[in-house]
PDB file of N, CA and C in Angstrom:
ATOM      1  N   MET A   1     110.916 160.549 337.317  1.00  0.00           N
ATOM      2  CA  MET A   1     112.161 161.069 336.251  1.00  0.00           C
ATOM      3  C   MET A   1     112.330 159.462 335.145  1.00  0.00           C
ATOM      4  N   VAL A   2     112.363 160.059 333.921  1.00  0.00           N
ATOM      5  CA  VAL A   2     112.967 159.019 332.863  1.00  0.00           C
ATOM      6  C   VAL A   2     114.043 159.046 332.546  1.00  0.00           C
ATOM      7  N   LEU A   3     114.493 157.665 332.488  1.00  0.00           N
ATOM      8  CA  LEU A   3     116.385 157.809 331.731  1.00  0.00           C
ATOM      9  C   LEU A   3     115.834 157.037 330.596  1.00  0.00           C
ATOM     10  N   LYS A   4     116.255 157.742 329.753  1.00  0.00           N
ATOM     11  CA  LYS A   4     116.467 157.218 328.173  1.00  0.00           C
ATOM     12  C   LYS A   4     117.990 156.949 327.513  1.00  0.00           C
ATOM     13  N   ARG A   5     118.058 155.874 327.066  1.00  0.00           N
ATOM     14  CA  ARG A   5     119.208 155.400 326.144  1.00  0.00           C
ATOM     15  C   ARG A   5     118.917 155.417 324.875  1.00  0.00           C
ATOM     16  N   VAL A   6     119.629 156.115 324.027  1.00  0.00           N
ATOM     17  CA  VAL A   6     119.353 155.843 322.568  1.00  0.00           C
ATOM     18  C   VAL A   6     120.838 155.409 321.922  1.00  0.00           C
ATOM     19  N   SER A   7     121.023 154.285 321.110  1.00  0.00           N
ATOM     20  CA  SER A   7     121.917 154.079 320.341  1.00  0.00           C
ATOM     21  C   SER A   7     122.777 155.296 319.600  1.00  0.00           C
ATOM     22  N   ARG A   8     123.907 155.111 318.991  1.00  0.00           N
ATOM     23  CA  ARG A   8     124.370 155.995 318.303  1.00  0.00           C
ATOM     24  C   ARG A   8     123.856 156.434 316.834  1.00  0.00           C
ATOM     25  N   ASP A   9     123.725 155.166 316.484  1.00  0.00           N
ATOM     26  CA  ASP A   9     123.092 155.718 315.166  1.00  0.00           C
ATOM     27  C   ASP A   9     121.933 155.821 315.294  1.00  0.00           C
ATOM     28  N   ARG A  10     120.991 155.832 316.715  1.00  0.00           N
ATOM     29  CA  ARG A  10     119.410 156.127 316.644  1.00  0.00           C
ATOM     30  C   ARG A  10     118.811 155.104 316.219  1.00  0.00           C
ATOM     31  N   ASP A  11     119.315 153.431 315.891  1.00  0.00           N
ATOM     32  CA  ASP A  11     118.711 152.351 315.584  1.00  0.00           C
ATOM     33  C   ASP A  11     117.581 152.162 316.591  1.00  0.00           C
ATOM     34  N   TRP A  12     117.775 151.954 317.967  1.00  0.00           N
ATOM     35  CA  TRP A  12     116.930 151.965 319.187  1.00  0.00           C
ATOM     36  C   TRP A  12     117.125 152.617 320.333  1.00  0.00           C
ATOM     37  N   SER A  13     116.417 152.479 321.017  1.00  0.00           N
ATOM     38  CA  SER A  13     116.225 153.322 322.339  1.00  0.00           C
ATOM     39  C   SER A  13     115.666 152.452 323.215  1.00  0.00           C
ATOM     40  N   PHE A  14     115.952 153.014 324.676  1.00  0.00           N
ATOM     41  CA  PHE A  14     115.520 152.242 325.787  1.00  0.00           C
ATOM     42  C   PHE A  14     114.808 152.862 326.702  1.00  0.00           C
ATOM     43  N   GLU A  15     113.862 152.971 327.487  1.00  0.00           N
ATOM     44  CA  GLU A  15     113.376 153.961 328.494  1.00  0.00           C
ATOM     45  C   GLU A  15     113.299 153.312 329.899  1.00  0.00           C
ATOM     46  N   TYR A  16     114.195 153.551 330.908  1.00  0.00           N
ATOM     47  CA  TYR A  16     113.750 153.391 332.209  1.00  0.00           C
ATOM     48  C   TYR A  16     112.684 154.012 332.706  1.00  0.00           C
ATOM     49  N   GLU A  17     111.800 153.854 333.108  1.00  0.00           N
ATOM     50  CA  GLU A  17     110.628 154.433 334.261  1.00  0.00           C
ATOM     51  C   GLU A  17     110.858 154.656 335.146  1.00  0.00           C
ATOM     52  N   ARG A  18     110.577 153.709 336.012  1.00  0.00           N
ATOM     53  CA  ARG A  18     110.869 153.519 337.799  1.00  0.00           C
ATOM     54  C   ARG A  18     112.131 153.039 338.254  1.00  0.00           C
ATOM     55  N   LEU A  19     113.061 154.181 338.624  1.00  0.00           N
ATOM     56  CA  LEU A  19     114.352 154.237 339.029  1.00  0.00           C
ATOM     57  C   LEU A  19     114.073 153.942 340.754  1.00  0.00           C
ATOM     58  N   ARG A  20     114.878 153.182 340.934  1.00  0.00           N
ATOM     59  CA  ARG A  20     115.022 153.247 342.942  1.00  0.00           C
ATOM     60  C   ARG A  20     116.564 153.463 343.020  1.00  0.00           C
ATOM     61  N   LEU A  21     116.529 154.470 343.895  1.00  0.00           N
ATOM     62  CA  LEU A  21     118.013 155.025 344.263  1.00  0.00           C
ATOM     63  C   LEU A  21     118.339 154.091 345.267  1.00  0.00           C
ATOM     64  N   SER A  22     119.079 153.647 345.613  1.00  0.00           N
ATOM     65  CA  SER A  22     119.794 152.754 347.197  1.00  0.00           C
ATOM     66  C   SER A  22     121.240 152.361 347.065  1.00  0.00           C
ATOM     67  N   PRO A  23     121.618 152.379 348.384  1.00  0.00           N
ATOM     68  CA  PRO A  23     123.269 151.923 348.155  1.00  0.00           C
ATOM     69  C   PRO A  23     123.440 150.658 347.307  1.00  0.00           C
ATOM     70  N   GLN A  24     124.120 150.597 347.017  1.00  0.00           N
ATOM     71  CA  GLN A  24     124.767 149.582 346.582  1.00  0.00           C
ATOM     72  C   GLN A  24     125.989 148.752 347.092  1.00  0.00           C
ATOM     73  N   PRO A  25     126.411 147.475 347.269  1.00  0.00           N
ATOM     74  CA  PRO A  25     127.712 147.230 347.586  1.00  0.00           C
ATOM     75  C   PRO A  25     128.771 147.597 346.956  1.00  0.00           C
ATOM     76  N   GLY A  26     130.187 147.891 347.484  1.00  0.00           N
ATOM     77  CA  GLY A  26     131.227 148.287 346.831  1.00  0.00           C
ATOM     78  C   GLY A  26     132.072 147.224 345.750  1.00  0.00           C
ATOM     79  N   TYR A  27     131.520 145.863 345.751  1.00  0.00           N
ATOM     80  CA  TYR A  27     131.821 144.702 345.042  1.00  0.00           C
ATOM     81  C   TYR A  27     131.254 144.921 343.824  1.00  0.00           C
ATOM     82  N   TYR A  28     129.749 145.306 343.625  1.00  0.00           N
ATOM     83  CA  TYR A  28     129.467 145.525 342.520  1.00  0.00           C
ATOM     84  C   TYR A  28     130.278 146.270 341.785  1.00  0.00           C
ATOM     85  N   PHE A  29     131.434 147.378 342.333  1.00  0.00           N
ATOM     86  CA  PHE A  29     132.380 148.195 340.946  1.00  0.00           C
ATOM     87  C   PHE A  29     133.864 147.193 341.138  1.00  0.00           C
ATOM     88  N   ASP A  30     133.816 146.214 341.547  1.00  0.00           N
ATOM     89  CA  ASP A  30     135.507 145.701 341.616  1.00  0.00           C
ATOM     90  C   ASP A  30     135.699 144.920 340.324  1.00  0.00           C
ATOM     91  N   GLU A  31     136.619 145.340 339.730  1.00  0.00           N
ATOM     92  CA  GLU A  31     137.400 144.772 337.970  1.00  0.00           C
ATOM     93  C   GLU A  31     137.099 143.225 338.370  1.00  0.00           C
ATOM     94  N   PRO A  32     136.485 142.756 337.121  1.00  0.00           N
ATOM     95  CA  PRO A  32     136.258 141.253 336.708  1.00  0.00           C
ATOM     96  C   PRO A  32     137.689 140.564 337.390  1.00  0.00           C
ATOM     97  N   PRO A  33     137.518 139.064 337.371  1.00  0.00           N
ATOM     98  CA  PRO A  33     139.019 138.222 337.395  1.00  0.00           C
ATOM     99  C   PRO A  33     139.240 138.616 336.058  1.00  0.00           C
ATOM    100  N   GLY A  34     140.661 138.478 336.077  1.00  0.00           N
ATOM    101  CA  GLY A  34     141.513 138.804 334.668  1.00  0.00           C
ATOM    102  C   GLY A  34     140.893 139.814 334.104  1.00  0.00           C
ATOM    103  N   TYR A  35     140.464 141.157 334.495  1.00  0.00           N
ATOM    104  CA  TYR A  35     140.321 142.155 333.291  1.00  0.00           C
ATOM    105  C   TYR A  35     141.565 142.900 333.461  1.00  0.00           C
ATOM    106  N   LYS A  36     142.190 143.067 332.251  1.00  0.00           N
ATOM    107  CA  LYS A  36     143.196 144.305 331.880  1.00  0.00           C
ATOM    108  C   LYS A  36     142.652 145.333 331.078  1.00  0.00           C
ATOM    109  N   LYS A  37     143.145 146.287 331.956  1.00  0.00           N
ATOM    110  CA  LYS A  37     143.045 147.789 330.910  1.00  0.00           C
ATOM    111  C   LYS A  37     143.576 147.889 329.859  1.00  0.00           C
ATOM    112  N   ARG A  38     143.007 148.097 328.451  1.00  0.00           N
ATOM    113  CA  ARG A  38     143.668 148.425 327.424  1.00  0.00           C
ATOM    114  C   ARG A  38     143.891 149.773 326.942  1.00  0.00           C
ATOM    115  N   MET A  39     145.073 150.095 326.445  1.00  0.00           N
ATOM    116  CA  MET A  39     145.083 151.704 326.436  1.00  0.00           C
ATOM    117  C   MET A  39     144.997 151.971 324.960  1.00  0.00           C
ATOM    118  N   SER A  40     144.321 152.910 324.947  1.00  0.00           N
ATOM    119  CA  SER A  40     143.954 153.474 323.372  1.00  0.00           C
ATOM    120  C   SER A  40     144.626 153.823 322.424  1.00  0.00           C
ATOM    121  N   ALA A  41     145.078 153.401 321.391  1.00  0.00           N
ATOM    122  CA  ALA A  41     145.836 154.153 320.547  1.00  0.00           C
ATOM    123  C   ALA A  41     145.484 155.741 320.141  1.00  0.00           C
ATOM    124  N   THR A  42     144.276 156.078 320.557  1.00  0.00           N
ATOM    125  CA  THR A  42     144.210 157.639 320.226  1.00  0.00           C
ATOM    126  C   THR A  42     144.211 158.304 321.062  1.00  0.00           C
ATOM    127  N   GLY A  43     144.487 157.700 322.478  1.00  0.00           N
ATOM    128  CA  GLY A  43     144.407 158.693 323.640  1.00  0.00           C
ATOM    129  C   GLY A  43     142.973 158.523 324.565  1.00  0.00           C
ATOM    130  N   PRO A  44     143.061 159.013 325.245  1.00  0.00           N
ATOM    131  CA  PRO A  44     141.897 159.495 326.189  1.00  0.00           C
ATOM    132  C   PRO A  44     140.506 159.777 325.213  1.00  0.00           C
ATOM    133  N   ARG A  45     139.339 159.573 325.719  1.00  0.00           N
ATOM    134  CA  ARG A  45     138.111 159.966 324.993  1.00  0.00           C
ATOM    135  C   ARG A  45     137.610 161.212 325.859  1.00  0.00           C
ATOM    136  N   ARG A  46     137.400 162.210 325.070  1.00  0.00           N
ATOM    137  CA  ARG A  46     137.067 163.364 325.938  1.00  0.00           C
ATOM    138  C   ARG A  46     135.575 163.606 325.339  1.00  0.00           C
ATOM    139  N   GLU A  47     134.554 164.333 326.236  1.00  0.00           N
ATOM    140  CA  GLU A  47     133.322 164.609 325.876  1.00  0.00           C
ATOM    141  C   GLU A  47     133.165 165.639 325.886  1.00  0.00           C
ATOM    142  N   GLY A  48     132.747 166.574 324.768  1.00  0.00           N
ATOM    143  CA  GLY A  48     132.616 167.585 324.841  1.00  0.00           C
ATOM    144  C   GLY A  48     131.396 168.411 324.611  1.00  0.00           C
TER     145      GLY A  48
END
């Protein structure tokens, strides 16, 4: 499986060729100290 990331303006891209799926500790997903969520003026972003 190949995972490819491409910038919005397609100026650059990066491919991950060797992925290893494994369990990750829950603290990897904790918010960093001092993090505050900002509210968007335009509302939530919707993928479509």
